Amino acid sequence: MSAPDVERLGAAQTRAVAERIANSFLVLAATRWLVPDAERREAVLADHFEIMVDHAMRHGLVYGTTDRSGVAVWLPQVGEPGPEPADYDTRLVGACGEWTDRFRHLDDLFAASHPHDDHHHLAFLAVAPQRQGQGVGTALLRHHHAVLDAEGVPAYLEASSESSRDLYARHGYRGGEPFRLPDGTPFYPMWREPAGR
């Protein structure tokens, strides 16, 4: 099977990207902690991810496979950290409602672990459940890694499961000390030096 084609996505695809991430992340323990109500979880996650994807459309890079089975959201950080999403606090409450404090807690954990050196942050890599294990995530990673390697730029991410941690390790990422949600669910901060450095 040949690798899927990858293209940069524009603002018109914002909601579709957010929904792909939400659907793909439903299996994660972290999302069950963030939104305990299983019936509302996917909709709340999609609304939250829409804030982040909209921000990346303006300040980062959003890629998808041509069939949209996989998406990747990158945020370059050069010098000082970039701006947070516009009207973030108000939009967060609107998206997350009674679970807003849980999302803020996760934001704080991410901020405390985030490196200060220049890098591109892989905020989200999401593949449709029925397409996982078929090279979609690998194609998305290789697409942007080629750019990072050519420019000598490192990458950073927070892996949200052991399986994703293992995928990223196969692509040159090295793990740091995990940090955890209050229920013990781990995230694995990972750093990738550009190839050839």
N, C-alpha and C. Protein backbone atom coordinates (compact mmCIF):
# COMPACT_ATOMS: atom_id res chain seq x y z
N MET A 1 0.85 -1.19 0.00
CA MET A 1 0.00 0.00 0.00
C MET A 1 0.89 1.24 0.00
N SER A 2 0.65 2.15 -0.93
CA SER A 2 1.45 3.37 -1.00
C SER A 2 1.04 4.34 0.09
N ALA A 3 1.98 5.20 0.47
CA ALA A 3 1.70 6.18 1.51
C ALA A 3 0.66 7.18 1.02
N PRO A 4 -0.24 7.60 1.89
CA PRO A 4 -1.24 8.58 1.47
C PRO A 4 -0.61 9.93 1.17
N ASP A 5 -1.23 10.67 0.27
CA ASP A 5 -0.78 12.03 -0.03
C ASP A 5 -1.21 12.97 1.09
N VAL A 6 -0.37 13.97 1.35
CA VAL A 6 -0.59 14.93 2.42
C VAL A 6 -0.62 16.32 1.82
N GLU A 7 -1.54 17.16 2.30
CA GLU A 7 -1.64 18.53 1.81
C GLU A 7 -1.91 19.47 2.97
N ARG A 8 -1.54 20.73 2.76
CA ARG A 8 -1.84 21.74 3.78
C ARG A 8 -3.31 22.12 3.68
N LEU A 9 -3.93 22.29 4.83
CA LEU A 9 -5.36 22.61 4.88
C LEU A 9 -5.56 24.08 5.24
N GLY A 10 -6.69 24.60 4.79
CA GLY A 10 -7.03 25.99 5.05
C GLY A 10 -8.17 26.14 6.04
N ALA A 11 -8.52 27.39 6.33
CA ALA A 11 -9.47 27.70 7.39
C ALA A 11 -10.83 27.05 7.17
N ALA A 12 -11.23 26.83 5.94
CA ALA A 12 -12.53 26.21 5.68
C ALA A 12 -12.61 24.79 6.24
N GLN A 13 -11.46 24.19 6.51
CA GLN A 13 -11.42 22.81 7.02
C GLN A 13 -11.33 22.75 8.55
N THR A 14 -11.42 23.89 9.22
CA THR A 14 -11.19 23.93 10.66
C THR A 14 -12.09 22.97 11.43
N ARG A 15 -13.39 23.04 11.19
CA ARG A 15 -14.31 22.18 11.95
C ARG A 15 -14.09 20.71 11.62
N ALA A 16 -13.86 20.40 10.37
CA ALA A 16 -13.64 19.01 9.99
C ALA A 16 -12.40 18.44 10.68
N VAL A 17 -11.34 19.25 10.77
CA VAL A 17 -10.13 18.81 11.46
C VAL A 17 -10.42 18.58 12.94
N ALA A 18 -11.14 19.52 13.57
CA ALA A 18 -11.47 19.38 14.99
C ALA A 18 -12.29 18.12 15.24
N GLU A 19 -13.22 17.82 14.34
CA GLU A 19 -14.04 16.63 14.51
C GLU A 19 -13.23 15.35 14.30
N ARG A 20 -12.27 15.38 13.37
CA ARG A 20 -11.40 14.22 13.19
C ARG A 20 -10.60 13.96 14.46
N ILE A 21 -10.04 15.02 15.06
CA ILE A 21 -9.26 14.85 16.28
C ILE A 21 -10.14 14.29 17.40
N ALA A 22 -11.32 14.87 17.58
CA ALA A 22 -12.21 14.43 18.65
C ALA A 22 -12.57 12.96 18.49
N ASN A 23 -12.94 12.57 17.29
CA ASN A 23 -13.33 11.18 17.04
C ASN A 23 -12.17 10.23 17.27
N SER A 24 -10.99 10.63 16.85
CA SER A 24 -9.81 9.77 16.99
C SER A 24 -9.36 9.66 18.44
N PHE A 25 -9.60 10.69 19.25
CA PHE A 25 -9.11 10.73 20.62
C PHE A 25 -10.09 10.14 21.64
N LEU A 26 -11.26 9.71 21.21
CA LEU A 26 -12.24 9.18 22.15
C LEU A 26 -11.73 8.00 22.96
N VAL A 27 -10.82 7.23 22.39
CA VAL A 27 -10.31 6.04 23.08
C VAL A 27 -9.29 6.38 24.17
N LEU A 28 -8.83 7.61 24.22
CA LEU A 28 -7.77 7.97 25.16
C LEU A 28 -8.30 8.14 26.58
N ALA A 29 -7.53 7.65 27.54
CA ALA A 29 -7.92 7.81 28.94
C ALA A 29 -8.04 9.28 29.31
N ALA A 30 -7.18 10.13 28.74
CA ALA A 30 -7.21 11.55 29.09
C ALA A 30 -8.54 12.19 28.73
N THR A 31 -9.14 11.80 27.61
CA THR A 31 -10.40 12.43 27.22
C THR A 31 -11.54 11.97 28.12
N ARG A 32 -11.43 10.77 28.68
CA ARG A 32 -12.46 10.32 29.62
C ARG A 32 -12.38 11.12 30.92
N TRP A 33 -11.16 11.52 31.31
CA TRP A 33 -11.04 12.38 32.48
C TRP A 33 -11.52 13.80 32.17
N LEU A 34 -11.17 14.30 31.00
CA LEU A 34 -11.55 15.67 30.65
C LEU A 34 -13.07 15.84 30.59
N VAL A 35 -13.76 14.86 29.99
CA VAL A 35 -15.21 14.93 29.83
C VAL A 35 -15.80 13.59 30.29
N PRO A 36 -16.15 13.47 31.56
CA PRO A 36 -16.63 12.19 32.07
C PRO A 36 -17.93 11.70 31.44
N ASP A 37 -18.74 12.60 30.93
CA ASP A 37 -20.02 12.23 30.33
C ASP A 37 -19.78 11.67 28.93
N ALA A 38 -19.92 10.35 28.78
CA ALA A 38 -19.61 9.70 27.51
C ALA A 38 -20.51 10.20 26.37
N GLU A 39 -21.74 10.55 26.68
CA GLU A 39 -22.66 11.00 25.63
C GLU A 39 -22.30 12.37 25.10
N ARG A 40 -21.67 13.18 25.90
CA ARG A 40 -21.33 14.55 25.48
C ARG A 40 -19.86 14.70 25.09
N ARG A 41 -19.07 13.67 25.37
CA ARG A 41 -17.61 13.79 25.24
C ARG A 41 -17.17 14.23 23.85
N GLU A 42 -17.64 13.57 22.80
CA GLU A 42 -17.13 13.88 21.47
C GLU A 42 -17.47 15.31 21.05
N ALA A 43 -18.68 15.76 21.36
CA ALA A 43 -19.09 17.11 20.98
C ALA A 43 -18.27 18.17 21.73
N VAL A 44 -18.06 17.95 23.03
CA VAL A 44 -17.27 18.91 23.82
C VAL A 44 -15.83 18.94 23.31
N LEU A 45 -15.27 17.77 23.07
CA LEU A 45 -13.90 17.73 22.56
C LEU A 45 -13.79 18.45 21.22
N ALA A 46 -14.74 18.21 20.32
CA ALA A 46 -14.69 18.87 19.01
C ALA A 46 -14.75 20.38 19.15
N ASP A 47 -15.62 20.87 20.06
CA ASP A 47 -15.70 22.32 20.26
C ASP A 47 -14.39 22.87 20.82
N HIS A 48 -13.78 22.13 21.73
CA HIS A 48 -12.49 22.58 22.28
C HIS A 48 -11.40 22.54 21.22
N PHE A 49 -11.32 21.44 20.49
CA PHE A 49 -10.27 21.33 19.47
C PHE A 49 -10.46 22.37 18.37
N GLU A 50 -11.69 22.78 18.11
CA GLU A 50 -11.92 23.80 17.09
C GLU A 50 -11.22 25.11 17.46
N ILE A 51 -11.19 25.44 18.75
CA ILE A 51 -10.48 26.64 19.19
C ILE A 51 -9.00 26.52 18.84
N MET A 52 -8.44 25.34 19.12
CA MET A 52 -7.02 25.14 18.91
C MET A 52 -6.66 25.05 17.42
N VAL A 53 -7.52 24.40 16.64
CA VAL A 53 -7.25 24.28 15.20
C VAL A 53 -7.39 25.64 14.53
N ASP A 54 -8.39 26.41 14.93
CA ASP A 54 -8.56 27.77 14.39
C ASP A 54 -7.30 28.59 14.65
N HIS A 55 -6.75 28.45 15.86
CA HIS A 55 -5.53 29.16 16.21
C HIS A 55 -4.37 28.71 15.31
N ALA A 56 -4.27 27.40 15.09
CA ALA A 56 -3.19 26.89 14.26
C ALA A 56 -3.34 27.30 12.80
N MET A 57 -4.56 27.43 12.34
CA MET A 57 -4.77 27.92 10.97
C MET A 57 -4.18 29.32 10.80
N ARG A 58 -4.19 30.11 11.87
CA ARG A 58 -3.70 31.48 11.81
C ARG A 58 -2.20 31.58 12.12
N HIS A 59 -1.72 30.71 13.01
CA HIS A 59 -0.36 30.88 13.52
C HIS A 59 0.52 29.65 13.34
N GLY A 60 0.01 28.62 12.71
CA GLY A 60 0.78 27.39 12.56
C GLY A 60 0.56 26.75 11.21
N LEU A 61 0.61 25.42 11.21
CA LEU A 61 0.49 24.63 9.99
C LEU A 61 -0.43 23.46 10.27
N VAL A 62 -1.43 23.28 9.42
CA VAL A 62 -2.38 22.18 9.57
C VAL A 62 -2.34 21.37 8.29
N TYR A 63 -2.08 20.07 8.43
CA TYR A 63 -1.99 19.17 7.30
C TYR A 63 -3.04 18.08 7.41
N GLY A 64 -3.43 17.53 6.28
CA GLY A 64 -4.32 16.38 6.27
C GLY A 64 -4.00 15.49 5.09
N THR A 65 -4.34 14.22 5.23
CA THR A 65 -4.28 13.36 4.05
C THR A 65 -5.41 13.78 3.12
N THR A 66 -5.27 13.47 1.85
CA THR A 66 -6.27 13.93 0.89
C THR A 66 -7.65 13.37 1.19
N ASP A 67 -7.72 12.19 1.81
CA ASP A 67 -9.02 11.64 2.18
C ASP A 67 -9.46 12.06 3.57
N ARG A 68 -8.64 12.89 4.25
CA ARG A 68 -8.91 13.42 5.59
C ARG A 68 -9.00 12.33 6.66
N SER A 69 -8.41 11.18 6.39
CA SER A 69 -8.38 10.14 7.41
C SER A 69 -7.38 10.46 8.51
N GLY A 70 -6.46 11.36 8.23
CA GLY A 70 -5.49 11.77 9.23
C GLY A 70 -5.20 13.26 9.13
N VAL A 71 -4.93 13.88 10.27
CA VAL A 71 -4.60 15.30 10.31
C VAL A 71 -3.45 15.52 11.30
N ALA A 72 -2.68 16.57 11.05
CA ALA A 72 -1.60 16.95 11.95
C ALA A 72 -1.63 18.47 12.12
N VAL A 73 -1.46 18.92 13.36
CA VAL A 73 -1.52 20.34 13.69
C VAL A 73 -0.20 20.72 14.35
N TRP A 74 0.55 21.60 13.69
CA TRP A 74 1.86 22.03 14.16
C TRP A 74 1.84 23.52 14.51
N LEU A 75 2.53 23.87 15.60
CA LEU A 75 2.68 25.26 16.01
C LEU A 75 4.16 25.57 16.17
N PRO A 76 4.72 26.38 15.26
CA PRO A 76 6.13 26.77 15.42
C PRO A 76 6.32 27.65 16.65
N GLN A 77 7.39 27.41 17.39
CA GLN A 77 7.76 28.28 18.50
C GLN A 77 9.20 28.72 18.28
N VAL A 78 9.35 29.97 17.94
CA VAL A 78 10.66 30.56 17.71
C VAL A 78 10.77 31.78 18.62
N GLY A 79 11.75 31.78 19.48
CA GLY A 79 11.87 32.86 20.44
C GLY A 79 10.84 32.67 21.54
N GLU A 80 10.10 33.72 21.84
CA GLU A 80 9.07 33.65 22.88
C GLU A 80 7.91 32.77 22.42
N PRO A 81 7.19 32.13 23.37
CA PRO A 81 6.00 31.36 22.98
C PRO A 81 5.02 32.24 22.23
N GLY A 82 4.33 31.65 21.27
CA GLY A 82 3.38 32.41 20.47
C GLY A 82 2.16 32.83 21.29
N PRO A 83 1.29 33.61 20.69
CA PRO A 83 0.09 34.06 21.40
C PRO A 83 -0.84 32.89 21.67
N GLU A 84 -1.66 33.03 22.70
CA GLU A 84 -2.69 32.01 22.91
C GLU A 84 -3.88 32.34 22.01
N PRO A 85 -4.77 31.40 21.82
CA PRO A 85 -5.92 31.67 20.93
C PRO A 85 -6.70 32.90 21.37
N ALA A 86 -7.23 33.62 20.40
CA ALA A 86 -8.00 34.84 20.68
C ALA A 86 -9.21 34.51 21.55
N ASP A 87 -9.46 35.37 22.55
CA ASP A 87 -10.61 35.20 23.45
C ASP A 87 -10.67 33.81 24.06
N TYR A 88 -9.50 33.27 24.39
CA TYR A 88 -9.42 31.86 24.77
C TYR A 88 -10.30 31.54 25.99
N ASP A 89 -10.21 32.34 27.05
CA ASP A 89 -10.95 32.02 28.26
C ASP A 89 -12.45 31.96 28.00
N THR A 90 -12.96 32.94 27.28
CA THR A 90 -14.40 32.98 26.97
C THR A 90 -14.79 31.80 26.09
N ARG A 91 -13.99 31.55 25.07
CA ARG A 91 -14.30 30.44 24.16
C ARG A 91 -14.17 29.09 24.86
N LEU A 92 -13.22 28.97 25.79
CA LEU A 92 -13.06 27.71 26.51
C LEU A 92 -14.29 27.40 27.35
N VAL A 93 -14.81 28.39 28.04
CA VAL A 93 -16.02 28.19 28.84
C VAL A 93 -17.18 27.80 27.93
N GLY A 94 -17.30 28.47 26.79
CA GLY A 94 -18.38 28.15 25.86
C GLY A 94 -18.29 26.73 25.31
N ALA A 95 -17.07 26.26 25.12
CA ALA A 95 -16.88 24.93 24.54
C ALA A 95 -16.98 23.83 25.60
N CYS A 96 -16.43 24.08 26.78
CA CYS A 96 -16.23 23.00 27.75
C CYS A 96 -17.18 23.04 28.94
N GLY A 97 -17.87 24.16 29.13
CA GLY A 97 -18.90 24.24 30.16
C GLY A 97 -18.42 23.79 31.52
N GLU A 98 -19.13 22.83 32.12
CA GLU A 98 -18.85 22.41 33.49
C GLU A 98 -17.48 21.77 33.65
N TRP A 99 -16.85 21.40 32.54
CA TRP A 99 -15.54 20.75 32.61
C TRP A 99 -14.39 21.70 32.27
N THR A 100 -14.68 22.99 32.22
CA THR A 100 -13.66 23.99 31.86
C THR A 100 -12.42 23.88 32.74
N ASP A 101 -12.61 23.71 34.05
CA ASP A 101 -11.46 23.67 34.96
C ASP A 101 -10.56 22.48 34.66
N ARG A 102 -11.11 21.39 34.15
CA ARG A 102 -10.27 20.24 33.80
C ARG A 102 -9.40 20.57 32.59
N PHE A 103 -9.96 21.26 31.61
CA PHE A 103 -9.17 21.65 30.44
C PHE A 103 -8.11 22.68 30.84
N ARG A 104 -8.45 23.59 31.75
CA ARG A 104 -7.45 24.56 32.23
C ARG A 104 -6.32 23.84 32.96
N HIS A 105 -6.67 22.83 33.74
CA HIS A 105 -5.64 22.06 34.45
C HIS A 105 -4.69 21.41 33.46
N LEU A 106 -5.24 20.83 32.40
CA LEU A 106 -4.40 20.21 31.38
C LEU A 106 -3.52 21.27 30.70
N ASP A 107 -4.09 22.42 30.39
CA ASP A 107 -3.30 23.51 29.81
C ASP A 107 -2.11 23.85 30.70
N ASP A 108 -2.35 23.92 32.01
CA ASP A 108 -1.28 24.26 32.95
C ASP A 108 -0.20 23.19 32.97
N LEU A 109 -0.60 21.91 32.92
CA LEU A 109 0.38 20.84 32.87
C LEU A 109 1.23 20.92 31.62
N PHE A 110 0.57 21.17 30.48
CA PHE A 110 1.30 21.30 29.22
C PHE A 110 2.28 22.46 29.28
N ALA A 111 1.82 23.60 29.80
CA ALA A 111 2.68 24.78 29.86
C ALA A 111 3.89 24.55 30.75
N ALA A 112 3.71 23.84 31.85
CA ALA A 112 4.80 23.61 32.79
C ALA A 112 5.87 22.69 32.20
N SER A 113 5.47 21.83 31.27
CA SER A 113 6.41 20.86 30.68
C SER A 113 6.98 21.32 29.35
N HIS A 114 6.48 22.43 28.81
CA HIS A 114 6.85 22.82 27.45
C HIS A 114 8.26 23.39 27.40
N PRO A 115 9.08 22.93 26.46
CA PRO A 115 10.45 23.45 26.36
C PRO A 115 10.49 24.88 25.84
N HIS A 116 11.58 25.57 26.15
CA HIS A 116 11.74 26.97 25.74
C HIS A 116 12.60 27.13 24.48
N ASP A 117 13.36 26.09 24.12
CA ASP A 117 14.18 26.18 22.91
C ASP A 117 13.28 26.25 21.68
N ASP A 118 13.82 26.83 20.60
CA ASP A 118 13.07 26.91 19.35
C ASP A 118 12.71 25.51 18.86
N HIS A 119 11.51 25.35 18.36
CA HIS A 119 11.05 24.05 17.88
C HIS A 119 9.70 24.22 17.19
N HIS A 120 9.22 23.15 16.58
CA HIS A 120 7.83 23.07 16.14
C HIS A 120 7.12 22.09 17.06
N HIS A 121 5.96 22.51 17.56
CA HIS A 121 5.18 21.70 18.49
C HIS A 121 4.10 20.95 17.71
N LEU A 122 4.14 19.63 17.78
CA LEU A 122 3.06 18.83 17.20
C LEU A 122 1.93 18.80 18.23
N ALA A 123 0.98 19.69 18.07
CA ALA A 123 -0.13 19.79 19.02
C ALA A 123 -1.06 18.60 18.92
N PHE A 124 -1.34 18.16 17.68
CA PHE A 124 -2.25 17.03 17.46
C PHE A 124 -1.81 16.23 16.25
N LEU A 125 -1.85 14.92 16.39
CA LEU A 125 -1.77 14.00 15.27
C LEU A 125 -2.91 13.02 15.48
N ALA A 126 -3.86 12.99 14.56
CA ALA A 126 -5.06 12.19 14.74
C ALA A 126 -5.37 11.42 13.46
N VAL A 127 -5.68 10.15 13.63
CA VAL A 127 -6.00 9.26 12.51
C VAL A 127 -7.32 8.57 12.83
N ALA A 128 -8.19 8.50 11.85
CA ALA A 128 -9.48 7.83 12.03
C ALA A 128 -9.26 6.42 12.57
N PRO A 129 -10.07 6.00 13.55
CA PRO A 129 -9.84 4.69 14.18
C PRO A 129 -9.71 3.54 13.18
N GLN A 130 -10.51 3.55 12.12
CA GLN A 130 -10.47 2.45 11.16
C GLN A 130 -9.25 2.49 10.26
N ARG A 131 -8.47 3.57 10.31
CA ARG A 131 -7.28 3.70 9.47
C ARG A 131 -5.98 3.63 10.27
N GLN A 132 -6.08 3.47 11.58
CA GLN A 132 -4.87 3.42 12.40
C GLN A 132 -4.10 2.14 12.09
N GLY A 133 -2.78 2.25 12.14
CA GLY A 133 -1.92 1.13 11.84
C GLY A 133 -1.69 0.89 10.36
N GLN A 134 -2.12 1.85 9.52
CA GLN A 134 -1.99 1.69 8.07
C GLN A 134 -1.03 2.70 7.45
N GLY A 135 -0.23 3.37 8.26
CA GLY A 135 0.78 4.29 7.74
C GLY A 135 0.32 5.73 7.57
N VAL A 136 -0.90 6.04 8.00
CA VAL A 136 -1.40 7.41 7.84
C VAL A 136 -0.63 8.37 8.75
N GLY A 137 -0.49 8.01 10.02
CA GLY A 137 0.26 8.86 10.94
C GLY A 137 1.71 9.01 10.52
N THR A 138 2.30 7.93 10.05
CA THR A 138 3.68 7.97 9.58
C THR A 138 3.83 8.93 8.41
N ALA A 139 2.89 8.90 7.47
CA ALA A 139 2.95 9.80 6.31
C ALA A 139 2.89 11.26 6.76
N LEU A 140 2.02 11.55 7.71
CA LEU A 140 1.90 12.93 8.21
C LEU A 140 3.18 13.37 8.92
N LEU A 141 3.75 12.48 9.72
CA LEU A 141 5.00 12.83 10.40
C LEU A 141 6.13 13.06 9.40
N ARG A 142 6.30 12.14 8.47
CA ARG A 142 7.39 12.27 7.50
C ARG A 142 7.26 13.55 6.68
N HIS A 143 6.03 13.94 6.37
CA HIS A 143 5.81 15.13 5.55
C HIS A 143 6.43 16.36 6.20
N HIS A 144 6.15 16.57 7.48
CA HIS A 144 6.67 17.77 8.13
C HIS A 144 8.09 17.57 8.64
N HIS A 145 8.43 16.36 9.02
CA HIS A 145 9.81 16.12 9.44
C HIS A 145 10.80 16.46 8.32
N ALA A 146 10.40 16.23 7.07
CA ALA A 146 11.29 16.57 5.96
C ALA A 146 11.62 18.05 5.95
N VAL A 147 10.62 18.87 6.26
CA VAL A 147 10.83 20.32 6.34
C VAL A 147 11.72 20.65 7.53
N LEU A 148 11.41 20.07 8.68
CA LEU A 148 12.20 20.36 9.88
C LEU A 148 13.65 19.92 9.72
N ASP A 149 13.86 18.77 9.10
CA ASP A 149 15.23 18.29 8.90
C ASP A 149 15.99 19.20 7.96
N ALA A 150 15.34 19.66 6.90
CA ALA A 150 16.00 20.54 5.94
C ALA A 150 16.38 21.87 6.58
N GLU A 151 15.57 22.33 7.54
CA GLU A 151 15.80 23.63 8.17
C GLU A 151 16.54 23.51 9.50
N GLY A 152 16.81 22.28 9.94
CA GLY A 152 17.52 22.07 11.20
C GLY A 152 16.72 22.45 12.43
N VAL A 153 15.41 22.16 12.40
CA VAL A 153 14.53 22.56 13.49
C VAL A 153 14.06 21.33 14.27
N PRO A 154 14.17 21.35 15.61
CA PRO A 154 13.66 20.24 16.42
C PRO A 154 12.13 20.24 16.48
N ALA A 155 11.59 19.15 17.01
CA ALA A 155 10.15 19.03 17.20
C ALA A 155 9.87 18.55 18.62
N TYR A 156 8.69 18.91 19.11
CA TYR A 156 8.26 18.54 20.46
C TYR A 156 6.80 18.11 20.41
N LEU A 157 6.44 17.20 21.30
CA LEU A 157 5.04 16.77 21.41
C LEU A 157 4.80 16.17 22.79
N GLU A 158 3.54 15.98 23.11
CA GLU A 158 3.14 15.26 24.31
C GLU A 158 2.34 14.03 23.86
N ALA A 159 2.93 12.86 23.97
CA ALA A 159 2.23 11.62 23.59
C ALA A 159 1.22 11.28 24.68
N SER A 160 0.03 10.88 24.24
CA SER A 160 -1.07 10.67 25.18
C SER A 160 -1.37 9.21 25.45
N SER A 161 -0.55 8.31 24.93
CA SER A 161 -0.73 6.89 25.20
C SER A 161 0.61 6.18 24.96
N GLU A 162 0.73 4.97 25.46
CA GLU A 162 1.96 4.22 25.24
C GLU A 162 2.13 3.89 23.76
N SER A 163 1.02 3.60 23.07
CA SER A 163 1.14 3.26 21.65
C SER A 163 1.59 4.45 20.82
N SER A 164 1.08 5.64 21.13
CA SER A 164 1.54 6.82 20.38
C SER A 164 2.98 7.14 20.76
N ARG A 165 3.33 6.97 22.02
CA ARG A 165 4.73 7.18 22.43
C ARG A 165 5.67 6.28 21.63
N ASP A 166 5.25 5.03 21.44
CA ASP A 166 6.09 4.09 20.70
C ASP A 166 6.18 4.47 19.22
N LEU A 167 5.07 4.95 18.65
CA LEU A 167 5.09 5.42 17.26
C LEU A 167 6.09 6.57 17.11
N TYR A 168 6.02 7.55 18.00
CA TYR A 168 6.91 8.70 17.89
C TYR A 168 8.36 8.30 18.12
N ALA A 169 8.58 7.34 19.01
CA ALA A 169 9.96 6.88 19.24
C ALA A 169 10.55 6.29 17.96
N ARG A 170 9.72 5.62 17.17
CA ARG A 170 10.20 5.06 15.90
C ARG A 170 10.56 6.16 14.90
N HIS A 171 10.10 7.37 15.14
CA HIS A 171 10.38 8.50 14.25
C HIS A 171 11.39 9.47 14.86
N GLY A 172 12.16 8.98 15.82
CA GLY A 172 13.28 9.77 16.32
C GLY A 172 13.02 10.59 17.56
N TYR A 173 11.83 10.50 18.16
CA TYR A 173 11.54 11.25 19.37
C TYR A 173 12.08 10.52 20.60
N ARG A 174 12.58 11.30 21.55
CA ARG A 174 13.08 10.75 22.81
C ARG A 174 12.21 11.29 23.94
N GLY A 175 11.84 10.38 24.82
CA GLY A 175 10.90 10.73 25.89
C GLY A 175 11.58 11.36 27.09
N GLY A 176 10.84 12.24 27.74
CA GLY A 176 11.24 12.81 29.01
C GLY A 176 10.39 12.21 30.12
N GLU A 177 10.48 12.79 31.29
CA GLU A 177 9.72 12.30 32.44
C GLU A 177 8.23 12.56 32.22
N PRO A 178 7.39 11.53 32.34
CA PRO A 178 5.96 11.76 32.13
C PRO A 178 5.37 12.70 33.19
N PHE A 179 4.32 13.41 32.82
CA PHE A 179 3.52 14.14 33.80
C PHE A 179 2.11 13.55 33.76
N ARG A 180 1.33 13.78 34.81
CA ARG A 180 0.09 13.03 34.96
C ARG A 180 -1.10 13.92 35.31
N LEU A 181 -2.26 13.50 34.82
CA LEU A 181 -3.52 14.09 35.24
C LEU A 181 -3.81 13.65 36.68
N PRO A 182 -4.76 14.31 37.35
CA PRO A 182 -5.07 13.92 38.73
C PRO A 182 -5.49 12.46 38.90
N ASP A 183 -6.03 11.83 37.86
CA ASP A 183 -6.41 10.42 37.98
C ASP A 183 -5.25 9.47 37.69
N GLY A 184 -4.06 10.03 37.44
CA GLY A 184 -2.88 9.22 37.18
C GLY A 184 -2.57 8.99 35.71
N THR A 185 -3.45 9.42 34.80
CA THR A 185 -3.22 9.23 33.37
C THR A 185 -1.96 9.99 32.94
N PRO A 186 -1.01 9.30 32.30
CA PRO A 186 0.25 9.96 31.94
C PRO A 186 0.22 10.61 30.56
N PHE A 187 1.01 11.63 30.42
CA PHE A 187 1.42 12.18 29.13
C PHE A 187 2.95 12.07 29.08
N TYR A 188 3.45 11.83 27.87
CA TYR A 188 4.88 11.62 27.69
C TYR A 188 5.45 12.74 26.83
N PRO A 189 6.14 13.71 27.44
CA PRO A 189 6.78 14.75 26.63
C PRO A 189 7.93 14.15 25.83
N MET A 190 8.01 14.52 24.54
CA MET A 190 9.02 13.91 23.66
C MET A 190 9.63 14.98 22.76
N TRP A 191 10.91 14.82 22.50
CA TRP A 191 11.70 15.80 21.74
C TRP A 191 12.40 15.07 20.60
N ARG A 192 12.43 15.70 19.43
CA ARG A 192 13.12 15.13 18.28
C ARG A 192 14.11 16.13 17.70
N GLU A 193 15.37 15.75 17.70
CA GLU A 193 16.37 16.56 17.02
C GLU A 193 16.25 16.32 15.51
N PRO A 194 16.52 17.34 14.70
CA PRO A 194 16.45 17.13 13.25
C PRO A 194 17.47 16.09 12.79
N ALA A 195 17.10 15.31 11.81
CA ALA A 195 17.98 14.25 11.30
C ALA A 195 19.27 14.86 10.78
N GLY A 196 20.37 14.19 11.07
CA GLY A 196 21.67 14.65 10.61
C GLY A 196 22.34 15.63 11.54
N ARG A 197 21.68 15.94 12.67
CA ARG A 197 22.29 16.91 13.61
C ARG A 197 22.93 16.20 14.78
